[in-house]
Every structure is written in C-alpha cells, then in structure tokens.
Amino acid sequence: QLVRTYRERGLRVAVIAVDPTSPFTGGALLGDRIRMESVSLDPGVFIRSMATRGAQGGLAMTTEEVADVLEAFGFDRILIETVGVGQTELDVAATAETTVLVLVPESGDGIQTLKAGVMEIAELYVINKSDRPGADKLRQEIEVMLGIRKGNAFRHVQAHHGAAKGGAGRGGEAAATADVWEPPVLTTVASKGEGVTELVAALDRHHEYLVSSGKREERRKRRLAARTRAVVNRAIRQWVWDETHAEELVNKRLDDVAAGTRSPYDVAAEVLQQVRNGK
C-alpha cells in the first residue's frame, strides 16, 4: 500500500524484503514478493528479496550495501522490510532514516508495550488490522508507554466529563518544529488501504524534522562510522580464522575444554595471544 501511494505521486520505489534463512536447510522462501504481486510488474518499482544467511538483527549482512546501490540508481524511496517480529531485531534502526514499527491487536498484554528493545526503536508506531477488536486498547497502551518514557504517561488518554482530549496525531504533526521528535501512533487497515495516506504524511513530517533539525546528517555520519567498524570487524574475524592458526589451536584444545580442564575463555585468550605474536 505504501508503494502504491508513492507511485501515485510519481515517485520511483525500491523495496528490500528480508526473509530468514533456515538454520537446518540453508534455504529461504523469499515470499514477500508474492504479497506485493500487484505492484511487482510496475516499471517504477524494484523489489529485491534477500535471505539473512544466518545474520542476526533482522537484516541480511549486505542489506545496507544493496540500499546504497538502489539510492545511487536514483530511487526516490527505499523501503526495507525486516525479518523481525522479536524484541532484538534492531539493525534496521541503525540503517533506515525512519523506522516504522507495525503492530497488530491481540498480540499480547499491556506489559509487552513496556519491554525494552523493539518498542524503543521506532519513530512511528502503526497498528495494522485496526478494524479488529482491541485496536483502540493497544493504541492507548502504546501512547501510555511513550508517555511513561517522557514523564507524561496519561496525556493522550481521553479525560472524563468533557475535559479536553489528548490527541495521538497532534504530537507527530508538531514534531517538525519541535526539538525532539514525538512518535505518533497511527492506525491502518492495509487490506483496504485505510490510514496509508496518513502514514505517508507522517513519514514526510519525520523527514522534514530530520532535515530541519540537522539530525539527518548527524545520523548519516553515525551510520557510516558504525558500518565502517562492522566491515573492519568482519574482516578481522575472517582473517583470524582463515589466515592464522587459530582454528588449529581450537581443535587442539577441544578435548581439554570438553573435559573441563580448560574453559573457552582460556582457549580464546591463547588464540588472541598467538595472533598478537603473529602466528
């Protein structure tokens, strides 16, 4: 639905859809493209399915590089759909300019909204399938959760006896001029296209906020620094196991570790010492 809305504006859209790789067979279904069949033949839309190949965090190891190529190719919007439904698939927050967390009603009790991890990374919260029972309750729970973190937990809750109402959308609308972005909580019914226009408007507001506050450039530099470190870490890890005698030493000490006479930490320290000595 987001792709459709952007295409109606004449924007070219790329989608990177990440699916989990089976730890048993090494295969991946890559079924996201099937769900987007109605837009997949549009020449202004490019969909790239990726398997995680064992990477943790909700993205494939090279998702960011693929996004770079698509940006260089001139796409106006790049949408990344992560693997994650868990509380630790957070790599997308370090990759995307705007992170949208999509939730559905009846997916857990109110305690779920208070947990650390995935509930903390979003700039926009979207309750999809909001025509189902429990959508209003979930919205209120998220708004309270966001308020607890800011110290004004019940500001969004409707007051009794005709008192002034809160408004989940107002914070998002005001955020473009505020010093701090206040995540809006939006409702959609994707199967009917309801609420998608409001979601696109909120995405635009967040982009304007990033540009006007200078945070877009600041975040970009942080992302590039983190990516550089990740590339160095991967290269070092590969070098240690492929170009030194680390693997040989681990195999030599494995019986001792299994017998309990050495710990994995002892062996790791020996490996590092060997690497420092250039062996």
C-alpha atoms as a PDB file:
ATOM      1  CA  GLN A   1       0.000   0.000   0.000  1.00  0.00           C
ATOM      2  CA  LEU A   2       2.902   2.343   0.699  1.00  0.00           C
ATOM      3  CA  VAL A   3       4.360   1.535  -2.714  1.00  0.00           C
ATOM      4  CA  ARG A   4       1.011   2.313  -4.378  1.00  0.00           C
ATOM      5  CA  THR A   5       0.716   5.650  -2.603  1.00  0.00           C
ATOM      6  CA  TYR A   6       4.245   6.693  -3.541  1.00  0.00           C
ATOM      7  CA  ARG A   7       3.725   5.608  -7.152  1.00  0.00           C
ATOM      8  CA  GLU A   8       0.559   7.734  -7.354  1.00  0.00           C
ATOM      9  CA  ARG A   9       2.850  10.675  -6.535  1.00  0.00           C
ATOM     10  CA  GLY A  10       5.139   9.713  -9.398  1.00  0.00           C
ATOM     11  CA  LEU A  11       7.968   8.529  -7.131  1.00  0.00           C
ATOM     12  CA  ARG A  12      10.131   5.543  -8.011  1.00  0.00           C
ATOM     13  CA  VAL A  13      10.201   2.979  -5.207  1.00  0.00           C
ATOM     14  CA  ALA A  14      12.623   0.206  -4.268  1.00  0.00           C
ATOM     15  CA  VAL A  15      11.776  -2.484  -1.730  1.00  0.00           C
ATOM     16  CA  ILE A  16      14.322  -4.626   0.109  1.00  0.00           C
ATOM     17  CA  ALA A  17      12.458  -7.544   1.689  1.00  0.00           C
ATOM     18  CA  VAL A  18      14.463  -9.693   4.098  1.00  0.00           C
ATOM     19  CA  ASP A  19      13.426 -13.263   4.931  1.00  0.00           C
ATOM     20  CA  PRO A  20      15.004 -15.660   7.425  1.00  0.00           C
ATOM     21  CA  THR A  21      17.299 -18.439   6.268  1.00  0.00           C
ATOM     22  CA  SER A  22      16.552 -21.887   7.652  1.00  0.00           C
ATOM     23  CA  PRO A  23      19.265 -22.982  10.099  1.00  0.00           C
ATOM     24  CA  PHE A  24      18.592 -26.582   9.046  1.00  0.00           C
ATOM     25  CA  THR A  25      18.416 -26.488   5.241  1.00  0.00           C
ATOM     26  CA  GLY A  26      20.083 -23.146   4.493  1.00  0.00           C
ATOM     27  CA  GLY A  27      17.140 -22.199   2.264  1.00  0.00           C
ATOM     28  CA  ALA A  28      14.762 -19.225   2.387  1.00  0.00           C
ATOM     29  CA  LEU A  29      11.255 -18.848   0.982  1.00  0.00           C
ATOM     30  CA  LEU A  30      11.640 -15.184  -0.083  1.00  0.00           C
ATOM     31  CA  GLY A  31       7.858 -14.931  -0.149  1.00  0.00           C
ATOM     32  CA  ASP A  32       7.484 -11.179   0.386  1.00  0.00           C
ATOM     33  CA  ARG A  33       7.439 -10.591  -3.361  1.00  0.00           C
ATOM     34  CA  ILE A  34       4.309 -12.760  -3.623  1.00  0.00           C
ATOM     35  CA  ARG A  35       2.447 -10.420  -1.270  1.00  0.00           C
ATOM     36  CA  MET A  36       3.446  -7.467  -3.453  1.00  0.00           C
ATOM     37  CA  GLU A  37       2.387  -9.088  -6.718  1.00  0.00           C
ATOM     38  CA  SER A  38       0.052  -6.217  -7.591  1.00  0.00           C
ATOM     39  CA  VAL A  39       2.964  -3.728  -7.789  1.00  0.00           C
ATOM     40  CA  SER A  40       5.820  -6.027  -8.759  1.00  0.00           C
ATOM     41  CA  LEU A  41       5.276  -5.550 -12.522  1.00  0.00           C
ATOM     42  CA  ASP A  42       5.295  -1.750 -12.281  1.00  0.00           C
ATOM     43  CA  PRO A  43       8.436  -0.498 -14.103  1.00  0.00           C
ATOM     44  CA  GLY A  44       8.807   2.204 -11.425  1.00  0.00           C
ATOM     45  CA  VAL A  45       9.098  -0.424  -8.677  1.00  0.00           C
ATOM     46  CA  PHE A  46      12.069  -2.675  -7.941  1.00  0.00           C
ATOM     47  CA  ILE A  47      11.790  -5.432  -5.335  1.00  0.00           C
ATOM     48  CA  ARG A  48      14.898  -7.191  -4.054  1.00  0.00           C
ATOM     49  CA  SER A  49      14.370 -10.200  -1.804  1.00  0.00           C
ATOM     50  CA  MET A  50      17.256 -11.145   0.474  1.00  0.00           C
ATOM     51  CA  ALA A  51      17.926 -14.076   2.790  1.00  0.00           C
ATOM     52  CA  THR A  52      19.586 -13.398   6.135  1.00  0.00           C
ATOM     53  CA  ARG A  53      22.105 -16.260   5.613  1.00  0.00           C
ATOM     54  CA  GLY A  54      22.459 -16.552   9.355  1.00  0.00           C
ATOM     55  CA  ALA A  55      22.838 -12.847  10.139  1.00  0.00           C
ATOM     56  CA  GLN A  56      21.146 -11.747  13.350  1.00  0.00           C
ATOM     57  CA  GLY A  57      19.333  -8.456  13.887  1.00  0.00           C
ATOM     58  CA  GLY A  58      16.545  -8.700  11.302  1.00  0.00           C
ATOM     59  CA  LEU A  59      18.549  -7.763   8.172  1.00  0.00           C
ATOM     60  CA  ALA A  60      20.916  -9.559   5.821  1.00  0.00           C
ATOM     61  CA  MET A  61      24.600  -8.770   6.171  1.00  0.00           C
ATOM     62  CA  THR A  62      24.677  -6.725   2.948  1.00  0.00           C
ATOM     63  CA  THR A  63      21.266  -5.020   3.142  1.00  0.00           C
ATOM     64  CA  GLU A  64      22.893  -1.611   3.639  1.00  0.00           C
ATOM     65  CA  GLU A  65      25.106  -2.083   0.589  1.00  0.00           C
ATOM     66  CA  VAL A  66      22.064  -3.014  -1.507  1.00  0.00           C
ATOM     67  CA  ALA A  67      20.305   0.139  -0.271  1.00  0.00           C
ATOM     68  CA  ASP A  68      23.361   2.176  -1.320  1.00  0.00           C
ATOM     69  CA  VAL A  69      23.183   0.764  -4.844  1.00  0.00           C
ATOM     70  CA  LEU A  70      19.442   1.460  -5.108  1.00  0.00           C
ATOM     71  CA  GLU A  71      19.939   5.040  -3.857  1.00  0.00           C
ATOM     72  CA  ALA A  72      22.722   5.572  -6.395  1.00  0.00           C
ATOM     73  CA  PHE A  73      20.401   4.206  -9.078  1.00  0.00           C
ATOM     74  CA  GLY A  74      18.001   7.071  -8.378  1.00  0.00           C
ATOM     75  CA  PHE A  75      15.084   5.579  -6.469  1.00  0.00           C
ATOM     76  CA  ASP A  76      13.103   8.232  -4.587  1.00  0.00           C
ATOM     77  CA  ARG A  77      12.005   5.945  -1.751  1.00  0.00           C
ATOM     78  CA  ILE A  78      13.663   2.794  -0.424  1.00  0.00           C
ATOM     79  CA  LEU A  79      11.551   0.614   1.867  1.00  0.00           C
ATOM     80  CA  ILE A  80      13.252  -2.077   3.960  1.00  0.00           C
ATOM     81  CA  GLU A  81      11.056  -4.830   5.369  1.00  0.00           C
ATOM     82  CA  THR A  82      12.866  -6.697   8.117  1.00  0.00           C
ATOM     83  CA  VAL A  83      12.632 -10.291   9.251  1.00  0.00           C
ATOM     84  CA  GLY A  84      11.856  -9.272  12.755  1.00  0.00           C
ATOM     85  CA  VAL A  85       8.924  -9.821  14.974  1.00  0.00           C
ATOM     86  CA  GLY A  86      11.110 -10.336  18.023  1.00  0.00           C
ATOM     87  CA  GLN A  87      12.465  -7.845  20.528  1.00  0.00           C
ATOM     88  CA  THR A  88      16.087  -7.892  19.372  1.00  0.00           C
ATOM     89  CA  GLU A  89      15.852  -7.431  15.585  1.00  0.00           C
ATOM     90  CA  LEU A  90      17.045  -3.852  15.814  1.00  0.00           C
ATOM     91  CA  ASP A  91      19.568  -3.452  12.981  1.00  0.00           C
ATOM     92  CA  VAL A  92      17.027  -1.576  10.886  1.00  0.00           C
ATOM     93  CA  ALA A  93      17.114   1.335  13.353  1.00  0.00           C
ATOM     94  CA  ALA A  94      20.799   1.797  12.584  1.00  0.00           C
ATOM     95  CA  THR A  95      20.153   1.533   8.843  1.00  0.00           C
ATOM     96  CA  ALA A  96      16.981   3.445   7.996  1.00  0.00           C
ATOM     97  CA  GLU A  97      16.348   7.176   8.363  1.00  0.00           C
ATOM     98  CA  THR A  98      12.861   6.437   9.662  1.00  0.00           C
ATOM     99  CA  THR A  99      11.864   3.249  11.499  1.00  0.00           C
ATOM    100  CA  VAL A 100       8.214   2.209  11.496  1.00  0.00           C
ATOM    101  CA  LEU A 101       7.096  -0.461  13.962  1.00  0.00           C
ATOM    102  CA  VAL A 102       3.990  -2.309  12.750  1.00  0.00           C
ATOM    103  CA  LEU A 103       1.883  -3.979  15.438  1.00  0.00           C
ATOM    104  CA  VAL A 104      -1.442  -5.783  15.412  1.00  0.00           C
ATOM    105  CA  PRO A 105      -4.176  -6.047  18.065  1.00  0.00           C
ATOM    106  CA  GLU A 106      -4.410  -9.105  20.316  1.00  0.00           C
ATOM    107  CA  SER A 107      -0.667  -9.767  20.073  1.00  0.00           C
ATOM    108  CA  GLY A 108      -0.048  -9.672  23.825  1.00  0.00           C
ATOM    109  CA  ASP A 109      -0.950  -7.877  27.015  1.00  0.00           C
ATOM    110  CA  GLY A 110      -0.065  -4.326  28.002  1.00  0.00           C
ATOM    111  CA  ILE A 111       3.235  -5.450  29.534  1.00  0.00           C
ATOM    112  CA  GLN A 112       4.530  -6.156  26.008  1.00  0.00           C
ATOM    113  CA  THR A 113       4.468  -2.453  25.218  1.00  0.00           C
ATOM    114  CA  LEU A 114       6.739  -1.680  28.171  1.00  0.00           C
ATOM    115  CA  LYS A 115       9.534  -4.095  27.251  1.00  0.00           C
ATOM    116  CA  ALA A 116      12.913  -2.875  26.112  1.00  0.00           C
ATOM    117  CA  GLY A 117      14.113  -3.495  22.578  1.00  0.00           C
ATOM    118  CA  VAL A 118      11.880  -3.254  19.568  1.00  0.00           C
ATOM    119  CA  MET A 119       9.369  -0.963  21.317  1.00  0.00           C
ATOM    120  CA  GLU A 120      12.093   1.663  21.772  1.00  0.00           C
ATOM    121  CA  ILE A 121      13.475   1.984  18.261  1.00  0.00           C
ATOM    122  CA  ALA A 122      10.564   3.366  16.258  1.00  0.00           C
ATOM    123  CA  GLU A 123       9.919   6.890  15.028  1.00  0.00           C
ATOM    124  CA  LEU A 124       6.380   5.884  14.031  1.00  0.00           C
ATOM    125  CA  TYR A 125       4.096   3.259  15.530  1.00  0.00           C
ATOM    126  CA  VAL A 126       1.459   1.712  13.272  1.00  0.00           C
ATOM    127  CA  ILE A 127      -1.368  -0.529  14.431  1.00  0.00           C
ATOM    128  CA  ASN A 128      -2.388  -2.502  11.365  1.00  0.00           C
ATOM    129  CA  LYS A 129      -5.595  -4.586  11.165  1.00  0.00           C
ATOM    130  CA  SER A 130      -7.055  -1.837  13.316  1.00  0.00           C
ATOM    131  CA  ASP A 131     -10.588  -2.953  12.426  1.00  0.00           C
ATOM    132  CA  ARG A 132     -10.047  -5.910  14.749  1.00  0.00           C
ATOM    133  CA  PRO A 133     -11.127  -5.857  18.418  1.00  0.00           C
ATOM    134  CA  GLY A 134      -8.527  -4.449  20.777  1.00  0.00           C
ATOM    135  CA  ALA A 135      -7.021  -1.899  18.389  1.00  0.00           C
ATOM    136  CA  ASP A 136      -8.070   1.122  20.470  1.00  0.00           C
ATOM    137  CA  LYS A 137      -6.773  -0.535  23.637  1.00  0.00           C
ATOM    138  CA  LEU A 138      -3.412  -1.263  22.021  1.00  0.00           C
ATOM    139  CA  ARG A 139      -3.156   2.314  20.773  1.00  0.00           C
ATOM    140  CA  GLN A 140      -3.805   3.642  24.251  1.00  0.00           C
ATOM    141  CA  GLU A 141      -1.220   1.256  25.763  1.00  0.00           C
ATOM    142  CA  ILE A 142       1.441   2.429  23.291  1.00  0.00           C
ATOM    143  CA  GLU A 143       0.625   6.083  23.958  1.00  0.00           C
ATOM    144  CA  VAL A 144       0.918   5.466  27.711  1.00  0.00           C
ATOM    145  CA  MET A 145       4.223   3.641  27.182  1.00  0.00           C
ATOM    146  CA  LEU A 146       5.591   6.575  25.180  1.00  0.00           C
ATOM    147  CA  GLY A 147       4.352   8.967  27.857  1.00  0.00           C
ATOM    148  CA  ILE A 148       5.977   6.979  30.659  1.00  0.00           C
ATOM    149  CA  ARG A 149       9.341   7.423  28.965  1.00  0.00           C
ATOM    150  CA  LYS A 150       8.726  11.172  28.727  1.00  0.00           C
ATOM    151  CA  GLY A 151       7.144  11.557  32.156  1.00  0.00           C
ATOM    152  CA  ASN A 152       3.638  12.434  30.911  1.00  0.00           C
ATOM    153  CA  ALA A 153       2.132   8.972  30.672  1.00  0.00           C
ATOM    154  CA  PHE A 154      -1.596   9.749  30.533  1.00  0.00           C
ATOM    155  CA  ARG A 155      -1.577  12.867  28.420  1.00  0.00           C
ATOM    156  CA  HIS A 156      -3.132  11.018  25.461  1.00  0.00           C
ATOM    157  CA  VAL A 157      -5.887   9.315  27.464  1.00  0.00           C
ATOM    158  CA  GLN A 158      -9.312  10.846  26.934  1.00  0.00           C
ATOM    159  CA  ALA A 159     -10.489  12.701  30.022  1.00  0.00           C
ATOM    160  CA  HIS A 160     -13.924  12.318  31.655  1.00  0.00           C
ATOM    161  CA  HIS A 161     -16.744  14.860  31.921  1.00  0.00           C
ATOM    162  CA  GLY A 162     -15.987  16.756  28.726  1.00  0.00           C
ATOM    163  CA  ALA A 163     -12.451  17.749  29.654  1.00  0.00           C
ATOM    164  CA  ALA A 164     -10.001  18.420  26.836  1.00  0.00           C
ATOM    165  CA  LYS A 165      -8.945  15.375  24.898  1.00  0.00           C
ATOM    166  CA  GLY A 166      -5.423  14.257  24.131  1.00  0.00           C
ATOM    167  CA  GLY A 167      -4.504  13.517  20.547  1.00  0.00           C
ATOM    168  CA  ALA A 168      -2.095  10.876  19.342  1.00  0.00           C
ATOM    169  CA  GLY A 169      -1.650  12.532  15.988  1.00  0.00           C
ATOM    170  CA  ARG A 170      -1.009  16.053  17.259  1.00  0.00           C
ATOM    171  CA  GLY A 171       2.410  15.267  18.662  1.00  0.00           C
ATOM    172  CA  GLY A 172       3.508  13.884  15.301  1.00  0.00           C
ATOM    173  CA  GLU A 173       2.244  16.968  13.471  1.00  0.00           C
ATOM    174  CA  ALA A 174       4.019  19.325  15.858  1.00  0.00           C
ATOM    175  CA  ALA A 175       7.236  17.321  15.804  1.00  0.00           C
ATOM    176  CA  ALA A 176       8.591  19.004  12.661  1.00  0.00           C
ATOM    177  CA  THR A 177       9.037  22.236  14.615  1.00  0.00           C
ATOM    178  CA  ALA A 178       9.918  20.689  17.983  1.00  0.00           C
ATOM    179  CA  ASP A 179      13.440  19.982  19.215  1.00  0.00           C
ATOM    180  CA  VAL A 180      12.536  16.368  19.944  1.00  0.00           C
ATOM    181  CA  TRP A 181      10.525  14.095  17.675  1.00  0.00           C
ATOM    182  CA  GLU A 182       7.414  12.725  19.333  1.00  0.00           C
ATOM    183  CA  PRO A 183       6.447   9.393  17.719  1.00  0.00           C
ATOM    184  CA  PRO A 184       2.823   9.337  16.554  1.00  0.00           C
ATOM    185  CA  VAL A 185       0.666   6.221  16.921  1.00  0.00           C
ATOM    186  CA  LEU A 186      -1.271   5.607  13.700  1.00  0.00           C
ATOM    187  CA  THR A 187      -3.904   3.053  12.708  1.00  0.00           C
ATOM    188  CA  THR A 188      -4.220   1.331   9.342  1.00  0.00           C
ATOM    189  CA  VAL A 189      -6.164  -1.434   7.629  1.00  0.00           C
ATOM    190  CA  ALA A 190      -3.714  -2.343   4.879  1.00  0.00           C
ATOM    191  CA  SER A 191      -6.060  -4.771   3.141  1.00  0.00           C
ATOM    192  CA  LYS A 192      -8.446  -1.862   2.496  1.00  0.00           C
ATOM    193  CA  GLY A 193      -5.845   0.886   2.123  1.00  0.00           C
ATOM    194  CA  GLU A 194      -7.183   2.746   5.160  1.00  0.00           C
ATOM    195  CA  GLY A 195      -4.780   5.031   7.038  1.00  0.00           C
ATOM    196  CA  VAL A 196      -1.972   4.709   4.472  1.00  0.00           C
ATOM    197  CA  THR A 197      -2.222   8.348   3.359  1.00  0.00           C
ATOM    198  CA  GLU A 198      -1.846   9.460   6.983  1.00  0.00           C
ATOM    199  CA  LEU A 199       1.166   7.151   7.373  1.00  0.00           C
ATOM    200  CA  VAL A 200       2.858   8.650   4.302  1.00  0.00           C
ATOM    201  CA  ALA A 201       2.178  12.147   5.665  1.00  0.00           C
ATOM    202  CA  ALA A 202       3.783  11.180   8.992  1.00  0.00           C
ATOM    203  CA  LEU A 203       6.817   9.764   7.146  1.00  0.00           C
ATOM    204  CA  ASP A 204       7.154  13.066   5.290  1.00  0.00           C
ATOM    205  CA  ARG A 205       6.912  15.012   8.567  1.00  0.00           C
ATOM    206  CA  HIS A 206       9.672  12.934  10.110  1.00  0.00           C
ATOM    207  CA  HIS A 207      11.897  13.512   7.088  1.00  0.00           C
ATOM    208  CA  GLU A 208      11.288  17.262   7.342  1.00  0.00           C
ATOM    209  CA  TYR A 209      12.111  17.131  11.060  1.00  0.00           C
ATOM    210  CA  LEU A 210      15.417  15.317  10.384  1.00  0.00           C
ATOM    211  CA  VAL A 211      16.434  17.857   7.747  1.00  0.00           C
ATOM    212  CA  SER A 212      15.394  20.973   9.676  1.00  0.00           C
ATOM    213  CA  SER A 213      16.998  19.821  12.944  1.00  0.00           C
ATOM    214  CA  GLY A 214      20.257  18.752  11.316  1.00  0.00           C
ATOM    215  CA  LYS A 215      19.847  15.226  12.666  1.00  0.00           C
ATOM    216  CA  ARG A 216      19.749  13.683   9.190  1.00  0.00           C
ATOM    217  CA  GLU A 217      23.394  14.472   8.509  1.00  0.00           C
ATOM    218  CA  GLU A 218      24.392  13.648  12.080  1.00  0.00           C
ATOM    219  CA  ARG A 219      22.695  10.221  11.889  1.00  0.00           C
ATOM    220  CA  ARG A 220      24.198   9.537   8.487  1.00  0.00           C
ATOM    221  CA  LYS A 221      27.711  10.087   9.832  1.00  0.00           C
ATOM    222  CA  ARG A 222      26.989   7.826  12.816  1.00  0.00           C
ATOM    223  CA  ARG A 223      25.662   5.123  10.496  1.00  0.00           C
ATOM    224  CA  LEU A 224      28.700   5.319   8.236  1.00  0.00           C
ATOM    225  CA  ALA A 225      31.060   5.127  11.214  1.00  0.00           C
ATOM    226  CA  ALA A 226      29.206   2.081  12.571  1.00  0.00           C
ATOM    227  CA  ARG A 227      29.251   0.413   9.149  1.00  0.00           C
ATOM    228  CA  THR A 228      32.976   1.017   8.813  1.00  0.00           C
ATOM    229  CA  ARG A 229      33.566  -0.622  12.194  1.00  0.00           C
ATOM    230  CA  ALA A 230      31.348  -3.552  11.207  1.00  0.00           C
ATOM    231  CA  VAL A 231      33.303  -4.086   7.982  1.00  0.00           C
ATOM    232  CA  VAL A 232      36.592  -3.992   9.924  1.00  0.00           C
ATOM    233  CA  ASN A 233      35.224  -6.454  12.499  1.00  0.00           C
ATOM    234  CA  ARG A 234      34.094  -8.865   9.774  1.00  0.00           C
ATOM    235  CA  ALA A 235      37.448  -8.626   8.002  1.00  0.00           C
ATOM    236  CA  ILE A 236      39.371  -9.253  11.236  1.00  0.00           C
ATOM    237  CA  ARG A 237      37.147 -12.211  12.146  1.00  0.00           C
ATOM    238  CA  GLN A 238      37.606 -13.765   8.725  1.00  0.00           C
ATOM    239  CA  TRP A 239      41.366 -13.135   8.811  1.00  0.00           C
ATOM    240  CA  VAL A 240      41.751 -14.720  12.268  1.00  0.00           C
ATOM    241  CA  TRP A 241      40.054 -17.947  11.236  1.00  0.00           C
ATOM    242  CA  ASP A 242      41.295 -18.167   7.648  1.00  0.00           C
ATOM    243  CA  GLU A 243      44.833 -16.785   7.760  1.00  0.00           C
ATOM    244  CA  THR A 244      46.165 -17.740  11.201  1.00  0.00           C
ATOM    245  CA  HIS A 245      46.494 -20.985  13.164  1.00  0.00           C
ATOM    246  CA  ALA A 246      43.516 -20.126  15.396  1.00  0.00           C
ATOM    247  CA  GLU A 247      41.299 -22.948  14.107  1.00  0.00           C
ATOM    248  CA  GLU A 248      44.123 -25.444  14.540  1.00  0.00           C
ATOM    249  CA  LEU A 249      44.717 -24.330  18.131  1.00  0.00           C
ATOM    250  CA  VAL A 250      40.992 -24.542  18.984  1.00  0.00           C
ATOM    251  CA  ASN A 251      40.838 -28.098  17.634  1.00  0.00           C
ATOM    252  CA  LYS A 252      43.958 -28.996  19.626  1.00  0.00           C
ATOM    253  CA  ARG A 253      42.452 -27.703  22.892  1.00  0.00           C
ATOM    254  CA  LEU A 254      38.927 -29.025  22.298  1.00  0.00           C
ATOM    255  CA  ASP A 255      39.422 -32.211  24.315  1.00  0.00           C
ATOM    256  CA  ASP A 256      40.645 -30.152  27.292  1.00  0.00           C
ATOM    257  CA  VAL A 257      37.607 -27.876  27.067  1.00  0.00           C
ATOM    258  CA  ALA A 258      35.260 -30.880  26.820  1.00  0.00           C
ATOM    259  CA  ALA A 259      36.966 -32.466  29.836  1.00  0.00           C
ATOM    260  CA  GLY A 260      36.559 -29.265  31.833  1.00  0.00           C
ATOM    261  CA  THR A 261      40.273 -28.708  32.419  1.00  0.00           C
ATOM    262  CA  ARG A 262      40.209 -25.559  30.307  1.00  0.00           C
ATOM    263  CA  SER A 263      37.460 -23.024  29.654  1.00  0.00           C
ATOM    264  CA  PRO A 264      36.579 -21.462  26.279  1.00  0.00           C
ATOM    265  CA  TYR A 265      37.914 -18.192  27.727  1.00  0.00           C
ATOM    266  CA  ASP A 266      41.333 -19.793  28.330  1.00  0.00           C
ATOM    267  CA  VAL A 267      41.486 -21.033  24.757  1.00  0.00           C
ATOM    268  CA  ALA A 268      40.262 -17.702  23.362  1.00  0.00           C
ATOM    269  CA  ALA A 269      42.972 -15.878  25.320  1.00  0.00           C
ATOM    270  CA  GLU A 270      45.558 -18.279  23.910  1.00  0.00           C
ATOM    271  CA  VAL A 271      44.258 -17.707  20.374  1.00  0.00           C
ATOM    272  CA  LEU A 272      44.479 -13.928  20.801  1.00  0.00           C
ATOM    273  CA  GLN A 273      47.964 -14.173  22.249  1.00  0.00           C
ATOM    274  CA  GLN A 274      49.023 -16.305  19.296  1.00  0.00           C
ATOM    275  CA  VAL A 275      47.547 -13.762  16.863  1.00  0.00           C
ATOM    276  CA  ARG A 276      49.360 -10.908  18.659  1.00  0.00           C
ATOM    277  CA  ASN A 277      52.592 -12.826  18.266  1.00  0.00           C
ATOM    278  CA  GLY A 278      51.957 -13.011  14.518  1.00  0.00           C
ATOM    279  CA  LYS A 279      51.273 -16.746  14.350  1.00  0.00           C
END
